[in-house]
N, C-alpha and C. Protein backbone atom coordinates (compact mmCIF):
# COMPACT_ATOMS: atom_id res chain seq x y z
N MET A 1 7.15 -20.94 4.92
CA MET A 1 6.21 -19.84 4.98
C MET A 1 5.67 -19.70 6.39
N CYS A 2 5.46 -18.50 6.81
CA CYS A 2 4.92 -18.23 8.13
C CYS A 2 3.45 -17.84 8.02
N ILE A 3 2.73 -18.10 9.06
CA ILE A 3 1.32 -17.69 9.08
C ILE A 3 1.28 -16.17 9.18
N GLY A 4 0.45 -15.54 8.37
CA GLY A 4 0.31 -14.10 8.40
C GLY A 4 1.30 -13.36 7.52
N ASP A 5 2.03 -14.06 6.66
CA ASP A 5 2.99 -13.37 5.80
C ASP A 5 2.36 -12.84 4.52
N GLY A 6 1.05 -12.99 4.39
CA GLY A 6 0.36 -12.44 3.23
C GLY A 6 0.13 -13.46 2.13
N VAL A 7 0.79 -14.60 2.18
CA VAL A 7 0.65 -15.59 1.13
C VAL A 7 -0.67 -16.33 1.26
N ASP A 8 -1.05 -16.63 2.50
CA ASP A 8 -2.28 -17.37 2.72
C ASP A 8 -3.51 -16.47 2.84
N GLY A 9 -3.38 -15.20 2.56
CA GLY A 9 -4.50 -14.27 2.58
C GLY A 9 -4.68 -13.56 3.91
N ALA A 10 -3.93 -13.93 4.93
CA ALA A 10 -4.07 -13.30 6.24
C ALA A 10 -2.89 -12.35 6.45
N ALA A 11 -3.16 -11.07 6.38
CA ALA A 11 -2.12 -10.07 6.61
C ALA A 11 -2.39 -9.36 7.93
N ASP A 12 -1.35 -8.82 8.53
CA ASP A 12 -1.54 -8.11 9.79
C ASP A 12 -2.25 -6.77 9.53
N PRO A 13 -2.83 -6.18 10.56
CA PRO A 13 -3.61 -4.95 10.38
C PRO A 13 -2.80 -3.78 9.82
N LEU A 14 -1.53 -3.69 10.17
CA LEU A 14 -0.72 -2.58 9.66
C LEU A 14 -0.54 -2.67 8.14
N THR A 15 -0.33 -3.88 7.65
CA THR A 15 -0.19 -4.07 6.20
C THR A 15 -1.50 -3.79 5.49
N LYS A 16 -2.59 -4.24 6.05
CA LYS A 16 -3.91 -3.96 5.46
C LYS A 16 -4.17 -2.46 5.42
N GLY A 17 -3.86 -1.77 6.50
CA GLY A 17 -4.05 -0.32 6.55
C GLY A 17 -3.17 0.40 5.54
N ALA A 18 -1.95 -0.09 5.36
CA ALA A 18 -1.04 0.52 4.39
C ALA A 18 -1.58 0.35 2.97
N TRP A 19 -2.12 -0.83 2.66
CA TRP A 19 -2.70 -1.05 1.33
C TRP A 19 -3.93 -0.17 1.12
N ILE A 20 -4.77 -0.04 2.15
CA ILE A 20 -5.96 0.81 2.04
C ILE A 20 -5.54 2.26 1.81
N ALA A 21 -4.53 2.73 2.52
CA ALA A 21 -4.05 4.10 2.35
C ALA A 21 -3.43 4.30 0.97
N LEU A 22 -2.66 3.31 0.53
CA LEU A 22 -1.99 3.41 -0.77
C LEU A 22 -3.00 3.50 -1.90
N ILE A 23 -4.07 2.76 -1.81
CA ILE A 23 -5.07 2.75 -2.87
C ILE A 23 -6.16 3.79 -2.62
N GLY A 24 -6.53 3.97 -1.37
CA GLY A 24 -7.65 4.85 -1.03
C GLY A 24 -7.42 6.32 -1.30
N GLY A 25 -6.21 6.81 -1.07
CA GLY A 25 -5.92 8.23 -1.30
C GLY A 25 -6.11 8.63 -2.76
N PRO A 26 -5.46 7.95 -3.69
CA PRO A 26 -5.65 8.29 -5.10
C PRO A 26 -7.07 8.03 -5.60
N VAL A 27 -7.72 6.98 -5.10
CA VAL A 27 -9.10 6.70 -5.52
C VAL A 27 -10.02 7.83 -5.08
N TYR A 28 -9.84 8.32 -3.86
CA TYR A 28 -10.63 9.45 -3.38
C TYR A 28 -10.44 10.67 -4.28
N LEU A 29 -9.19 10.98 -4.60
CA LEU A 29 -8.93 12.14 -5.46
C LEU A 29 -9.50 11.93 -6.86
N LEU A 30 -9.41 10.73 -7.39
CA LEU A 30 -9.96 10.44 -8.71
C LEU A 30 -11.48 10.58 -8.72
N ILE A 31 -12.14 10.09 -7.69
CA ILE A 31 -13.60 10.21 -7.61
C ILE A 31 -14.01 11.67 -7.52
N THR A 32 -13.28 12.47 -6.74
CA THR A 32 -13.64 13.88 -6.62
C THR A 32 -13.48 14.62 -7.95
N VAL A 33 -12.49 14.24 -8.74
CA VAL A 33 -12.30 14.86 -10.05
C VAL A 33 -13.40 14.44 -11.01
N ILE A 34 -13.72 13.14 -11.02
CA ILE A 34 -14.74 12.63 -11.93
C ILE A 34 -16.11 13.23 -11.61
N LEU A 35 -16.43 13.34 -10.32
CA LEU A 35 -17.74 13.87 -9.92
C LEU A 35 -17.76 15.39 -9.80
N ASP A 36 -16.63 16.03 -10.08
CA ASP A 36 -16.50 17.48 -10.05
C ASP A 36 -16.84 18.07 -8.68
N TRP A 37 -16.38 17.39 -7.62
CA TRP A 37 -16.55 17.90 -6.27
C TRP A 37 -15.42 18.86 -5.96
N GLU A 38 -15.69 19.81 -5.11
CA GLU A 38 -14.63 20.71 -4.65
C GLU A 38 -13.98 20.08 -3.43
N VAL A 39 -12.68 19.93 -3.49
CA VAL A 39 -11.94 19.26 -2.42
C VAL A 39 -11.25 20.31 -1.56
N PRO A 40 -11.51 20.29 -0.24
CA PRO A 40 -10.78 21.21 0.64
C PRO A 40 -9.28 20.87 0.63
N GLY A 41 -8.48 21.87 0.90
CA GLY A 41 -7.04 21.66 0.89
C GLY A 41 -6.58 20.59 1.86
N TRP A 42 -7.18 20.53 3.04
CA TRP A 42 -6.77 19.54 4.03
C TRP A 42 -7.11 18.12 3.58
N ALA A 43 -8.22 17.96 2.85
CA ALA A 43 -8.60 16.62 2.37
C ALA A 43 -7.64 16.15 1.28
N ALA A 44 -7.25 17.05 0.40
CA ALA A 44 -6.28 16.69 -0.64
C ALA A 44 -4.94 16.35 0.00
N PHE A 45 -4.54 17.13 1.00
CA PHE A 45 -3.29 16.86 1.70
C PHE A 45 -3.33 15.49 2.37
N LEU A 46 -4.44 15.16 3.04
CA LEU A 46 -4.56 13.86 3.70
C LEU A 46 -4.55 12.70 2.70
N ALA A 47 -5.15 12.90 1.53
CA ALA A 47 -5.16 11.85 0.51
C ALA A 47 -3.75 11.59 0.00
N VAL A 48 -3.00 12.65 -0.26
CA VAL A 48 -1.62 12.50 -0.73
C VAL A 48 -0.74 11.93 0.37
N ALA A 49 -0.94 12.38 1.61
CA ALA A 49 -0.16 11.86 2.74
C ALA A 49 -0.46 10.38 2.98
N ALA A 50 -1.72 9.97 2.80
CA ALA A 50 -2.08 8.56 2.96
C ALA A 50 -1.38 7.72 1.91
N PHE A 51 -1.36 8.20 0.67
CA PHE A 51 -0.67 7.47 -0.40
C PHE A 51 0.81 7.31 -0.09
N ILE A 52 1.46 8.40 0.27
CA ILE A 52 2.89 8.36 0.57
C ILE A 52 3.16 7.49 1.80
N GLY A 53 2.35 7.65 2.83
CA GLY A 53 2.53 6.86 4.05
C GLY A 53 2.33 5.38 3.81
N GLY A 54 1.32 5.02 3.02
CA GLY A 54 1.09 3.62 2.69
C GLY A 54 2.24 3.03 1.90
N PHE A 55 2.75 3.79 0.94
CA PHE A 55 3.87 3.32 0.12
C PHE A 55 5.11 3.11 0.98
N VAL A 56 5.43 4.09 1.81
CA VAL A 56 6.63 3.99 2.65
C VAL A 56 6.50 2.83 3.62
N THR A 57 5.32 2.65 4.20
CA THR A 57 5.11 1.55 5.14
C THR A 57 5.33 0.19 4.46
N LEU A 58 4.78 0.02 3.28
CA LEU A 58 4.94 -1.25 2.57
C LEU A 58 6.39 -1.49 2.17
N VAL A 59 7.09 -0.45 1.73
CA VAL A 59 8.49 -0.61 1.33
C VAL A 59 9.36 -0.95 2.54
N LEU A 60 9.13 -0.28 3.67
CA LEU A 60 9.94 -0.55 4.85
C LEU A 60 9.67 -1.93 5.42
N ARG A 61 8.46 -2.43 5.30
CA ARG A 61 8.14 -3.76 5.82
C ARG A 61 8.53 -4.88 4.86
N MET A 62 8.95 -4.52 3.66
CA MET A 62 9.29 -5.51 2.66
C MET A 62 10.51 -6.33 3.08
N GLY A 63 11.48 -5.73 3.69
CA GLY A 63 12.67 -6.46 4.13
C GLY A 63 13.74 -6.49 3.06
N ASP A 64 14.93 -6.92 3.47
CA ASP A 64 16.07 -6.95 2.57
C ASP A 64 16.36 -8.34 2.02
N GLU A 65 15.88 -9.38 2.70
CA GLU A 65 16.19 -10.73 2.26
C GLU A 65 15.36 -11.10 1.03
N PRO A 66 15.94 -11.91 0.16
CA PRO A 66 15.14 -12.41 -0.96
C PRO A 66 14.09 -13.38 -0.45
N ARG A 67 12.94 -13.43 -1.12
CA ARG A 67 11.86 -14.32 -0.70
C ARG A 67 12.20 -15.78 -0.95
N ASP A 68 12.92 -16.03 -2.03
CA ASP A 68 13.25 -17.40 -2.40
C ASP A 68 14.77 -17.51 -2.47
N PRO A 69 15.36 -18.42 -1.72
CA PRO A 69 16.83 -18.52 -1.73
C PRO A 69 17.38 -19.14 -3.02
N ASP A 70 16.55 -19.41 -3.98
CA ASP A 70 16.99 -20.00 -5.24
C ASP A 70 17.87 -19.01 -6.00
N ASP A 71 18.92 -19.52 -6.64
CA ASP A 71 19.85 -18.67 -7.38
C ASP A 71 19.42 -18.43 -8.82
N GLY A 72 18.36 -19.03 -9.27
CA GLY A 72 17.91 -18.83 -10.63
C GLY A 72 17.72 -20.15 -11.35
N ALA A 73 17.83 -20.08 -12.66
CA ALA A 73 17.58 -21.26 -13.48
C ALA A 73 18.70 -22.27 -13.34
N VAL A 74 18.34 -23.53 -13.45
CA VAL A 74 19.31 -24.61 -13.41
C VAL A 74 19.46 -25.16 -14.83
N VAL A 75 20.70 -25.22 -15.29
CA VAL A 75 20.95 -25.69 -16.65
C VAL A 75 21.30 -27.16 -16.63
């Protein structure tokens, strides 16, 4: 394990920002619906763009290698 890989609780700022965007965009839209606020078009666009951007960032940073080189169960 490497320091800053997210396992020990320390993630890099880009990953933290991606998680905030992924969760923050839909939460903002949900709060505006629950509280019956009128949302400007640009704010709704930014919330959806934050969600998509956060998701894409996390998927691209995930990598192709398996986390554990184990082949599965041992009989």
